[in-house]
Amino acid sequence: MELEGKNYIAGKWESSNGSEYSLVNPSTGKFIGIFPDSDKETVERAYIAARDAFHEWKSLSRFVRSDLMYRVAKIIERRREELATIISLETGKNFNESIAEVNEALHMAQFAFGSGRCSHGEAVSSEIEDKDSYMLRKPKGVIAIVSPFNFPLAIGAYWCAAPALVEGNTVVIKPSEDAPMSTQLAIEIYEEAGIPNGVINLVHGDGVTGNALVNQPVDHICFTGSAEVGQHIRKVAAESWHKTTSCEMGSKSACIVFDDVEMDLAIEATVASAYKLSGQRCVSSGRMIVERSILDEFVSRFVEASLKAKTSNPFLPVEDPTHVTWESYKVDPDQTYGPLINKQGYEKVNRYNEIVQNDSEAEVLLKPMTIMGGSTESYYLTPCVYKTEWRDVTYLKNEVFGPHIAIIPFDGIEDATRIYNDTDYGLAVGVLTNDFRKARILRDNCEAGMIYWNGGSIAAESHLAFGGVKKSGNGFPSAARTVRAVTNEFSWTVNHADRLTFPQGMK
């Protein structure tokens, strides 16, 4: 099955007229498509198309804009299996996880439709009896979206774009070069739903293309990716007078396991938090912070469960390789997680694995092994699991983004809180305890944007905010709260009297 990448600008699909790049299936290392590597001029045309479409789009009734999302949701439902198959082909993601991602996209489209039918402001009492006051929102303008490989359908095209469009903004989106086709299918869905020309635009390419996009005079930038790139984007925005950003920039998330929780629940939650999407979720837990009194039991159970985790291609071999469509792929029911997304990601995880194995103070419980897939260009890693006291070392504090798990003992709730907070990141934490007092203390003291009580660290839902603090985010989360990032709030005050009265007693 060969994928054909195209840009979408001003309502027209465009093949590359210059530089291109090859997309490979990370599970096999084999070529699956050619995509445009868009240059600065192409990005500028996409921006101009979005700017030209903005005034007419924002002038439509908010109800009319939201109705588009109803049609989008119906198409997503119809194409659910196809979308999930493409996600798994691009990312190596377990097919069940890919279905869940499509459902996230569906839920976001449904949420955006519903929010368009609700109030987008609030009435506020005035200090003056003859005045009424309101808080309302206006669209910012052109929204640039730079989306990641790990959720190539849900995050950029729906968590970010759907609320932006309902609120009256126009969009230019640049998907990850490692998983671009899912976003292209999302744009096809918007087109089929009837979105006007120029309202949403797609440009493929690598980081150079992304940099060209964020340097256009866009009004807001939605970004999900590494902290370093996110910080660069924030600096670009700071140099302008009007650009704002919402950046979700990685994590060193964790599960905190107390001795009063059911061990079966703890193992289920921590294994899922560690290995879903090969540990390449933004909220994957690379740290298991475990009360010392249950450390030995937890280690034994966690290692046993980790040994059962199968890393492989999400699909079985295609029966007829001469005629392959998305329907040709059959799911491997035994797969737990797939390969690392690319050579760069594989080498990064391996560097950290080697540091751990050469550290005499870390007890390696499971030594990682590389398993080659269909070619030498596919990168499967078995889990690296080790036990260590909390220390100031790079592999405990930096994001690894792979199946690399530290088990760290703690003594008391203050120690657990200290260990969790002792990184530059603050995205997610799973608190596993049956004591509501402990849960409440951690809720109030963990420096995180998302805290899950007895749920691991990977329980995001589209109608909730998704974002972090410190090096993980800048206070503008995505998903349901994207609406706050892509609109400007303003006050509207009406004087009903035939004379002027000031607040605060001013004459």
Protein backbone atom coordinates (compact mmCIF):
# COMPACT_ATOMS: atom_id res chain seq x y z
CA MET A 1 0.00 0.00 0.00
CA GLU A 2 1.57 3.26 -1.15
CA LEU A 3 0.42 6.55 0.37
CA GLU A 4 0.37 9.73 -1.70
CA GLY A 5 1.12 12.87 0.24
CA LYS A 6 -0.38 16.17 -0.86
CA ASN A 7 -0.65 19.66 0.56
CA TYR A 8 -4.08 21.30 0.84
CA ILE A 9 -4.10 25.04 0.23
CA ALA A 10 -7.11 27.28 -0.45
CA GLY A 11 -9.34 24.27 -1.05
CA LYS A 12 -7.03 22.56 -3.57
CA TRP A 13 -4.88 19.45 -3.26
CA GLU A 14 -1.32 19.97 -4.47
CA SER A 15 1.38 17.43 -5.21
CA SER A 16 4.94 18.40 -4.50
CA ASN A 17 6.54 20.67 -7.08
CA GLY A 18 9.96 20.40 -5.53
CA SER A 19 11.54 18.63 -2.60
CA GLU A 20 9.98 15.40 -1.28
CA TYR A 21 10.70 12.86 1.43
CA SER A 22 9.96 9.16 1.82
CA LEU A 23 7.75 7.85 4.60
CA VAL A 24 8.59 4.44 6.03
CA ASN A 25 6.53 2.07 8.13
CA PRO A 26 8.40 1.98 11.47
CA SER A 27 7.25 -1.60 12.05
CA THR A 28 8.91 -2.91 8.88
CA GLY A 29 11.32 -0.20 7.78
CA LYS A 30 9.76 -0.36 4.34
CA PHE A 31 8.76 2.55 2.12
CA ILE A 32 5.04 3.39 2.23
CA GLY A 33 4.76 6.81 0.58
CA ILE A 34 6.15 10.08 -0.76
CA PHE A 35 5.26 13.42 0.84
CA PRO A 36 6.02 17.05 -0.03
CA ASP A 37 8.80 18.73 1.91
CA SER A 38 7.20 22.15 1.73
CA ASP A 39 9.35 25.25 1.33
CA LYS A 40 8.85 28.72 2.76
CA GLU A 41 6.92 29.97 -0.27
CA THR A 42 4.42 27.10 -0.01
CA VAL A 43 3.93 27.79 3.70
CA GLU A 44 3.38 31.47 2.97
CA ARG A 45 0.70 30.66 0.40
CA ALA A 46 -1.08 28.49 2.97
CA TYR A 47 -0.93 31.31 5.51
CA ILE A 48 -2.28 33.84 2.98
CA ALA A 49 -5.14 31.47 2.11
CA ALA A 50 -6.06 31.19 5.77
CA ARG A 51 -5.83 34.96 6.28
CA ASP A 52 -7.97 35.66 3.22
CA ALA A 53 -10.66 33.22 4.44
CA PHE A 54 -10.73 34.51 8.01
CA HIS A 55 -13.15 37.46 7.76
CA GLU A 56 -15.90 35.57 5.96
CA TRP A 57 -15.52 32.50 8.18
CA LYS A 58 -15.68 34.42 11.46
CA SER A 59 -18.74 36.33 10.17
CA LEU A 60 -20.76 33.12 9.96
CA SER A 61 -23.06 32.19 12.81
CA ARG A 62 -21.29 30.15 15.46
CA PHE A 63 -24.12 27.63 15.07
CA VAL A 64 -23.32 27.24 11.37
CA ARG A 65 -19.62 26.70 12.11
CA SER A 66 -20.40 24.14 14.78
CA ASP A 67 -22.76 22.25 12.46
CA LEU A 68 -19.72 21.47 10.34
CA MET A 69 -18.35 19.48 13.27
CA TYR A 70 -21.48 17.40 13.42
CA ARG A 71 -20.88 16.35 9.82
CA VAL A 72 -17.18 15.75 10.58
CA ALA A 73 -18.11 13.46 13.48
CA LYS A 74 -20.39 11.38 11.29
CA ILE A 75 -17.61 10.89 8.72
CA ILE A 76 -15.10 9.90 11.41
CA GLU A 77 -17.53 7.24 12.63
CA ARG A 78 -17.88 5.89 9.10
CA ARG A 79 -14.11 5.80 8.49
CA ARG A 80 -13.06 4.64 11.97
CA GLU A 81 -11.34 1.39 10.92
CA GLU A 82 -9.54 3.00 8.00
CA LEU A 83 -8.23 5.85 10.16
CA ALA A 84 -7.02 3.46 12.86
CA THR A 85 -5.24 1.29 10.31
CA ILE A 86 -3.34 4.28 8.90
CA ILE A 87 -2.36 5.42 12.41
CA SER A 88 -0.93 1.98 13.21
CA LEU A 89 0.91 1.81 9.87
CA GLU A 90 2.53 5.20 10.45
CA THR A 91 3.38 4.85 14.12
CA GLY A 92 3.51 1.13 14.95
CA LYS A 93 0.82 1.80 17.54
CA ASN A 94 -1.22 -1.10 18.86
CA PHE A 95 -4.44 -1.22 16.82
CA ASN A 96 -6.64 -0.98 19.91
CA GLU A 97 -4.78 2.20 20.86
CA SER A 98 -5.30 3.53 17.34
CA ILE A 99 -9.04 2.88 17.57
CA ALA A 100 -9.00 4.75 20.88
CA GLU A 101 -7.23 7.67 19.19
CA VAL A 102 -9.88 7.80 16.47
CA ASN A 103 -12.49 7.84 19.23
CA GLU A 104 -10.65 10.76 20.85
CA ALA A 105 -10.86 12.62 17.55
CA LEU A 106 -14.55 11.74 17.28
CA HIS A 107 -15.24 12.91 20.83
CA MET A 108 -13.44 16.20 20.17
CA ALA A 109 -15.49 16.83 17.03
CA GLN A 110 -18.65 16.05 19.02
CA PHE A 111 -17.52 18.30 21.86
CA ALA A 112 -16.72 21.14 19.46
CA PHE A 113 -20.15 20.77 17.86
CA GLY A 114 -21.83 20.84 21.26
CA SER A 115 -19.81 23.80 22.51
CA GLY A 116 -20.85 25.77 19.44
CA ARG A 117 -24.45 25.40 20.59
CA CYS A 118 -23.64 26.74 24.05
CA SER A 119 -22.83 30.18 25.39
CA HIS A 120 -19.35 31.46 24.66
CA GLY A 121 -19.49 34.25 27.24
CA GLU A 122 -20.95 35.13 30.57
CA ALA A 123 -23.12 37.85 32.09
CA VAL A 124 -21.41 39.64 34.98
CA SER A 125 -23.16 41.97 37.42
CA SER A 126 -22.08 45.59 37.25
CA GLU A 127 -21.28 47.79 40.19
CA ILE A 128 -23.70 50.33 38.70
CA GLU A 129 -27.41 49.47 38.79
CA ASP A 130 -28.04 51.02 35.36
CA LYS A 131 -25.33 48.99 33.64
CA ASP A 132 -25.09 45.45 32.31
CA SER A 133 -21.74 43.75 31.80
CA TYR A 134 -20.71 40.74 29.74
CA MET A 135 -17.53 38.77 29.07
CA LEU A 136 -17.33 37.62 25.43
CA ARG A 137 -14.78 35.96 23.17
CA LYS A 138 -13.49 36.79 19.69
CA PRO A 139 -11.40 34.54 17.41
CA LYS A 140 -7.74 35.48 17.29
CA GLY A 141 -7.33 34.92 13.53
CA VAL A 142 -4.98 32.44 11.84
CA ILE A 143 -3.94 29.51 14.02
CA ALA A 144 -0.74 27.57 13.21
CA ILE A 145 -0.72 23.98 14.42
CA VAL A 146 2.46 21.91 14.62
CA SER A 147 1.39 18.41 15.63
CA PRO A 148 3.28 15.33 16.91
CA PHE A 149 3.72 11.79 15.61
CA ASN A 150 2.35 9.98 18.64
CA PHE A 151 -1.25 11.14 18.22
CA PRO A 152 -1.19 12.20 14.57
CA LEU A 153 -4.97 12.31 14.13
CA ALA A 154 -6.38 13.41 17.48
CA ILE A 155 -4.10 16.20 18.67
CA GLY A 156 -3.51 18.53 15.73
CA ALA A 157 -6.53 17.98 13.53
CA TYR A 158 -9.14 17.75 16.29
CA TRP A 159 -7.93 18.70 19.79
CA CYS A 160 -6.47 21.91 18.36
CA ALA A 161 -8.21 22.55 15.03
CA ALA A 162 -11.83 21.69 15.89
CA PRO A 163 -12.30 24.27 18.70
CA ALA A 164 -10.29 26.84 16.72
CA LEU A 165 -12.60 26.46 13.72
CA VAL A 166 -15.84 26.57 15.73
CA GLU A 167 -14.67 29.78 17.39
CA GLY A 168 -14.18 31.41 13.97
CA ASN A 169 -10.44 31.05 13.41
CA THR A 170 -8.79 29.69 10.27
CA VAL A 171 -6.00 27.12 10.41
CA VAL A 172 -2.71 26.04 8.86
CA ILE A 173 -1.51 22.66 10.14
CA LYS A 174 1.91 21.03 9.76
CA PRO A 175 1.84 17.35 10.79
CA SER A 176 4.82 15.36 11.98
CA GLU A 177 6.92 14.13 9.08
CA ASP A 178 6.96 10.72 10.81
CA ALA A 179 3.16 10.32 10.68
CA PRO A 180 1.67 12.73 8.11
CA MET A 181 -1.04 10.65 6.43
CA SER A 182 -3.41 10.57 9.40
CA THR A 183 -3.61 14.36 9.35
CA GLN A 184 -4.10 14.35 5.58
CA LEU A 185 -7.09 12.03 6.03
CA ALA A 186 -8.44 14.42 8.66
CA ILE A 187 -8.26 17.26 6.13
CA GLU A 188 -10.09 15.04 3.62
CA ILE A 189 -12.83 14.65 6.23
CA TYR A 190 -13.10 18.41 6.75
CA GLU A 191 -13.31 18.86 2.98
CA GLU A 192 -15.99 16.18 2.65
CA ALA A 193 -17.94 17.85 5.46
CA GLY A 194 -18.04 21.06 3.41
CA ILE A 195 -15.51 23.39 5.00
CA PRO A 196 -15.01 26.52 2.84
CA ASN A 197 -11.83 27.00 0.84
CA GLY A 198 -8.92 28.40 2.83
CA VAL A 199 -10.44 27.82 6.25
CA ILE A 200 -8.15 24.86 6.94
CA ASN A 201 -4.85 24.29 5.13
CA LEU A 202 -2.24 21.53 5.26
CA VAL A 203 1.50 21.74 4.59
CA HIS A 204 3.73 18.67 4.88
CA GLY A 205 7.39 18.86 5.79
CA ASP A 206 10.06 18.59 8.46
CA GLY A 207 11.23 21.02 11.13
CA VAL A 208 12.29 23.57 8.51
CA THR A 209 8.70 23.69 7.27
CA GLY A 210 7.43 23.99 10.84
CA ASN A 211 9.82 26.85 11.52
CA ALA A 212 8.66 28.65 8.38
CA LEU A 213 5.07 28.29 9.59
CA VAL A 214 5.58 29.66 13.10
CA ASN A 215 7.51 32.60 11.63
CA GLN A 216 4.53 33.63 9.50
CA PRO A 217 2.43 36.46 11.03
CA VAL A 218 -0.05 33.96 12.48
CA ASP A 219 -2.01 34.91 15.58
CA HIS A 220 -1.58 31.81 17.72
CA ILE A 221 0.59 28.69 17.61
CA CYS A 222 -0.54 25.32 18.95
CA PHE A 223 2.46 23.05 19.44
CA THR A 224 2.99 19.55 20.84
CA GLY A 225 6.53 18.17 20.92
CA SER A 226 9.86 18.48 22.65
CA ALA A 227 10.61 21.10 25.28
CA GLU A 228 13.48 22.49 23.23
CA VAL A 229 11.39 23.11 20.09
CA GLY A 230 8.54 24.45 22.22
CA GLN A 231 10.88 26.93 23.86
CA HIS A 232 12.09 28.06 20.43
CA ILE A 233 8.47 28.65 19.37
CA ARG A 234 7.79 30.65 22.51
CA LYS A 235 10.81 32.84 21.75
CA VAL A 236 9.55 33.40 18.19
CA ALA A 237 6.18 34.47 19.58
CA ALA A 238 7.79 36.73 22.18
CA GLU A 239 9.50 38.70 19.40
CA SER A 240 6.11 39.65 17.93
CA TRP A 241 3.48 42.03 19.29
CA HIS A 242 0.54 39.70 18.89
CA LYS A 243 1.46 36.02 18.68
CA THR A 244 0.47 33.75 21.52
CA THR A 245 1.29 30.08 22.03
CA SER A 246 -0.08 26.96 23.66
CA CYS A 247 2.77 24.50 24.03
CA GLU A 248 2.68 20.98 25.42
CA MET A 249 6.31 20.02 25.70
CA GLY A 250 7.03 16.61 27.14
CA SER A 251 7.20 15.13 30.60
CA LYS A 252 8.83 12.92 33.15
CA SER A 253 5.52 11.54 34.35
CA ALA A 254 5.17 8.94 37.08
CA CYS A 255 2.94 6.63 39.07
CA ILE A 256 3.09 6.87 42.86
CA VAL A 257 2.14 3.55 44.49
CA PHE A 258 1.20 3.39 48.17
CA ASP A 259 1.06 0.22 50.25
CA ASP A 260 -2.70 0.45 50.82
CA VAL A 261 -3.70 0.04 47.16
CA GLU A 262 -4.75 -3.28 45.59
CA MET A 263 -1.64 -4.72 43.95
CA ASP A 264 -3.57 -5.99 40.93
CA LEU A 265 -4.77 -2.43 40.23
CA ALA A 266 -1.28 -1.03 40.76
CA ILE A 267 0.30 -3.45 38.29
CA GLU A 268 -2.40 -2.91 35.68
CA ALA A 269 -2.11 0.88 35.94
CA THR A 270 1.68 1.03 35.94
CA VAL A 271 2.18 -1.44 33.08
CA ALA A 272 -0.29 0.48 30.90
CA SER A 273 1.32 3.79 31.84
CA ALA A 274 4.77 2.43 30.99
CA TYR A 275 4.23 0.56 27.73
CA LYS A 276 1.30 1.99 25.80
CA LEU A 277 2.71 3.30 22.49
CA SER A 278 6.15 1.94 23.46
CA GLY A 279 6.45 4.58 26.19
CA GLN A 280 6.15 7.34 23.55
CA ARG A 281 3.00 8.99 24.90
CA CYS A 282 3.42 12.50 26.27
CA VAL A 283 2.21 11.18 29.64
CA SER A 284 4.03 7.83 29.68
CA SER A 285 5.36 6.95 33.13
CA GLY A 286 9.08 6.39 33.12
CA ARG A 287 9.13 6.45 36.92
CA MET A 288 7.35 4.11 39.32
CA ILE A 289 7.64 5.70 42.76
CA VAL A 290 6.78 2.88 45.17
CA GLU A 291 6.36 2.80 48.95
CA ARG A 292 9.31 0.89 50.37
CA SER A 293 7.17 -1.52 52.40
CA ILE A 294 5.77 -3.08 49.19
CA LEU A 295 8.82 -2.56 46.98
CA ASP A 296 9.82 -6.22 46.68
CA GLU A 297 6.31 -7.40 45.84
CA PHE A 298 5.81 -4.61 43.32
CA VAL A 299 9.16 -5.27 41.65
CA SER A 300 8.40 -8.98 41.31
CA ARG A 301 4.92 -8.42 39.90
CA PHE A 302 5.96 -5.55 37.57
CA VAL A 303 8.90 -7.48 36.12
CA GLU A 304 6.69 -10.53 35.58
CA ALA A 305 4.14 -8.42 33.72
CA SER A 306 6.86 -6.68 31.70
CA LEU A 307 8.23 -10.02 30.52
CA LYS A 308 4.82 -10.76 29.00
CA ALA A 309 4.79 -7.52 27.00
CA LYS A 310 5.21 -8.43 23.32
CA THR A 311 6.83 -5.82 21.10
CA SER A 312 6.01 -6.41 17.45
CA ASN A 313 4.25 -5.21 14.32
CA PRO A 314 0.60 -4.34 15.07
CA PHE A 315 -0.39 -6.32 11.97
CA LEU A 316 0.13 -9.87 10.80
CA PRO A 317 1.85 -10.39 7.40
CA VAL A 318 -0.38 -9.34 4.51
CA GLU A 319 -1.75 -12.39 2.71
CA ASP A 320 -1.56 -10.92 -0.81
CA PRO A 321 1.28 -8.35 -1.03
CA THR A 322 0.56 -7.70 -4.73
CA HIS A 323 -2.71 -5.88 -4.02
CA VAL A 324 -2.70 -4.12 -0.65
CA THR A 325 -5.40 -1.76 0.63
CA TRP A 326 -6.07 -0.69 4.19
CA GLU A 327 -8.60 -3.53 4.48
CA SER A 328 -5.78 -6.04 3.79
CA TYR A 329 -4.24 -5.60 7.23
CA LYS A 330 -5.14 -8.06 10.00
CA VAL A 331 -4.44 -7.21 13.62
CA ASP A 332 -1.91 -9.20 15.67
CA PRO A 333 -3.97 -9.88 18.83
CA ASP A 334 -0.86 -10.63 20.90
CA GLN A 335 1.01 -7.37 20.30
CA THR A 336 1.50 -5.14 23.37
CA TYR A 337 3.49 -2.35 21.79
CA GLY A 338 5.37 -1.59 18.60
CA PRO A 339 8.73 -0.12 17.57
CA LEU A 340 10.26 3.22 18.38
CA ILE A 341 9.17 5.74 15.77
CA ASN A 342 12.55 6.21 14.06
CA LYS A 343 16.30 5.76 14.33
CA GLN A 344 16.75 9.00 16.26
CA GLY A 345 14.22 7.91 18.90
CA TYR A 346 15.74 4.43 19.11
CA GLU A 347 19.27 5.78 19.58
CA LYS A 348 18.11 8.20 22.28
CA VAL A 349 16.47 5.44 24.33
CA ASN A 350 19.48 3.17 23.87
CA ARG A 351 21.83 5.91 25.14
CA TYR A 352 19.86 6.12 28.36
CA ASN A 353 19.68 2.32 28.60
CA GLU A 354 23.47 2.12 28.35
CA ILE A 355 23.97 4.78 31.02
CA VAL A 356 21.76 2.82 33.42
CA GLN A 357 23.53 -0.45 32.73
CA ASN A 358 26.89 1.18 33.44
CA ASP A 359 25.70 2.72 36.71
CA SER A 360 26.67 0.55 39.68
CA GLU A 361 23.99 2.18 41.85
CA ALA A 362 21.16 1.06 39.55
CA GLU A 363 20.05 -2.58 39.79
CA VAL A 364 18.98 -3.66 36.31
CA LEU A 365 15.99 -6.00 36.60
CA LEU A 366 15.31 -6.44 32.89
CA LYS A 367 18.11 -5.87 30.41
CA PRO A 368 16.79 -4.35 27.18
CA MET A 369 17.23 -6.16 23.90
CA THR A 370 16.85 -4.94 20.32
CA ILE A 371 14.54 -7.06 18.17
CA MET A 372 14.77 -6.40 14.46
CA GLY A 373 11.55 -6.32 12.52
CA GLY A 374 11.10 -6.67 8.78
CA SER A 375 14.37 -4.85 8.09
CA THR A 376 17.31 -3.31 9.87
CA GLU A 377 15.49 0.02 9.75
CA SER A 378 12.78 -0.97 12.23
CA TYR A 379 13.54 -0.52 15.89
CA TYR A 380 11.95 -2.71 18.54
CA LEU A 381 13.21 -2.55 22.12
CA THR A 382 12.21 -4.80 24.97
CA PRO A 383 11.75 -3.05 28.34
CA CYS A 384 14.64 -1.70 30.35
CA VAL A 385 13.52 -1.97 34.00
CA TYR A 386 15.76 -1.07 36.92
CA LYS A 387 15.59 -0.26 40.62
CA THR A 388 17.37 2.68 42.20
CA GLU A 389 17.19 5.21 44.97
CA TRP A 390 16.24 8.70 43.83
CA ARG A 391 19.34 10.56 42.75
CA ASP A 392 20.38 13.55 40.66
CA VAL A 393 21.22 11.61 37.50
CA THR A 394 20.22 12.37 33.93
CA TYR A 395 18.19 9.22 33.21
CA LEU A 396 15.93 9.82 36.23
CA LYS A 397 15.21 13.45 35.42
CA ASN A 398 15.15 13.69 31.62
CA GLU A 399 12.43 12.45 29.28
CA VAL A 400 13.51 9.17 27.64
CA PHE A 401 10.43 8.46 25.46
CA GLY A 402 10.60 4.70 25.29
CA PRO A 403 10.15 1.50 27.33
CA HIS A 404 12.64 2.65 29.99
CA ILE A 405 11.34 2.28 33.56
CA ALA A 406 12.85 3.27 36.88
CA ILE A 407 11.40 1.80 40.09
CA ILE A 408 12.17 4.18 42.95
CA PRO A 409 11.33 3.55 46.64
CA PHE A 410 9.92 6.26 48.88
CA ASP A 411 9.38 6.65 52.62
CA GLY A 412 6.25 8.61 53.45
CA ILE A 413 4.07 11.03 51.55
CA GLU A 414 6.44 13.98 51.74
CA ASP A 415 9.21 11.87 50.24
CA ALA A 416 6.93 10.70 47.42
CA THR A 417 5.95 14.30 46.65
CA ARG A 418 9.57 15.45 46.73
CA ILE A 419 10.66 12.74 44.32
CA TYR A 420 7.84 13.42 41.87
CA ASN A 421 8.45 17.17 41.84
CA ASP A 422 12.25 16.93 41.56
CA THR A 423 12.36 17.29 37.76
CA ASP A 424 11.98 20.21 35.37
CA TYR A 425 8.74 18.70 34.02
CA GLY A 426 5.18 18.60 35.33
CA LEU A 427 2.68 16.91 33.05
CA ALA A 428 0.94 13.87 34.61
CA VAL A 429 0.98 11.68 37.69
CA GLY A 430 -1.01 8.62 38.68
CA VAL A 431 -1.69 8.43 42.42
CA LEU A 432 -2.45 4.87 43.51
CA THR A 433 -3.87 4.75 47.02
CA ASN A 434 -7.13 3.95 48.81
CA ASP A 435 -6.56 6.73 51.33
CA PHE A 436 -8.42 9.85 50.19
CA ARG A 437 -6.34 12.00 52.56
CA LYS A 438 -3.10 10.97 50.82
CA ALA A 439 -4.71 11.49 47.43
CA ARG A 440 -5.80 15.00 48.40
CA ILE A 441 -2.35 15.94 49.70
CA LEU A 442 -0.76 14.80 46.42
CA ARG A 443 -3.47 16.54 44.42
CA ASP A 444 -2.53 19.82 46.09
CA ASN A 445 1.25 19.38 46.13
CA CYS A 446 2.27 17.54 42.97
CA GLU A 447 3.43 19.98 40.30
CA ALA A 448 1.44 18.54 37.42
CA GLY A 449 -1.21 19.58 34.94
CA MET A 450 -3.08 16.25 35.19
CA ILE A 451 -3.43 14.05 38.26
CA TYR A 452 -5.24 10.71 38.16
CA TRP A 453 -6.32 8.97 41.35
CA ASN A 454 -6.14 5.18 40.94
CA GLY A 455 -5.93 5.48 37.17
CA GLY A 456 -2.28 5.46 36.09
CA SER A 457 -0.99 8.44 34.11
CA ILE A 458 -2.66 7.93 30.70
CA ALA A 459 -6.36 8.63 31.22
CA ALA A 460 -6.88 11.75 29.05
CA GLU A 461 -10.39 12.61 27.86
CA SER A 462 -11.23 15.13 25.15
CA HIS A 463 -13.68 17.16 27.23
CA LEU A 464 -11.00 17.82 29.88
CA ALA A 465 -7.95 20.08 29.69
CA PHE A 466 -4.69 18.46 28.56
CA GLY A 467 -1.52 20.28 29.50
CA GLY A 468 1.24 20.69 32.03
CA VAL A 469 3.33 23.08 34.08
CA LYS A 470 7.00 23.95 34.32
CA LYS A 471 8.90 22.53 31.32
CA SER A 472 5.82 20.56 30.22
CA GLY A 473 3.61 23.51 29.28
CA ASN A 474 2.88 27.19 29.48
CA GLY A 475 -0.58 27.26 31.01
CA PHE A 476 -2.65 26.98 27.82
CA PRO A 477 -3.79 23.34 27.64
CA SER A 478 -5.29 21.69 24.56
CA ALA A 479 -8.38 19.49 24.02
CA ALA A 480 -11.50 21.10 25.50
CA ARG A 481 -9.59 24.13 26.76
CA THR A 482 -8.13 24.99 23.34
CA VAL A 483 -11.00 27.47 23.08
CA ARG A 484 -9.32 29.67 25.69
CA ALA A 485 -6.06 29.72 23.77
CA VAL A 486 -7.48 30.59 20.34
CA THR A 487 -9.82 33.39 21.42
CA ASN A 488 -9.39 36.81 23.00
CA GLU A 489 -11.71 37.58 25.90
CA PHE A 490 -13.14 41.07 26.10
CA SER A 491 -15.57 43.02 28.28
CA TRP A 492 -18.81 44.52 26.93
CA THR A 493 -20.52 47.04 29.20
CA VAL A 494 -23.88 48.68 28.43
CA ASN A 495 -25.15 51.85 30.12
CA HIS A 496 -28.97 52.03 30.16
CA ALA A 497 -29.24 55.38 31.99
CA ASP A 498 -29.51 58.85 30.45
CA ARG A 499 -26.55 60.04 32.48
CA LEU A 500 -23.06 58.72 33.19
CA THR A 501 -22.17 57.06 36.49
CA PHE A 502 -18.67 55.74 37.12
CA PRO A 503 -17.78 52.69 39.22
CA GLN A 504 -15.58 52.93 42.30
CA GLY A 505 -17.34 56.16 43.26
CA MET A 506 -15.41 58.26 40.73
CA LYS A 507 -16.99 61.66 39.87
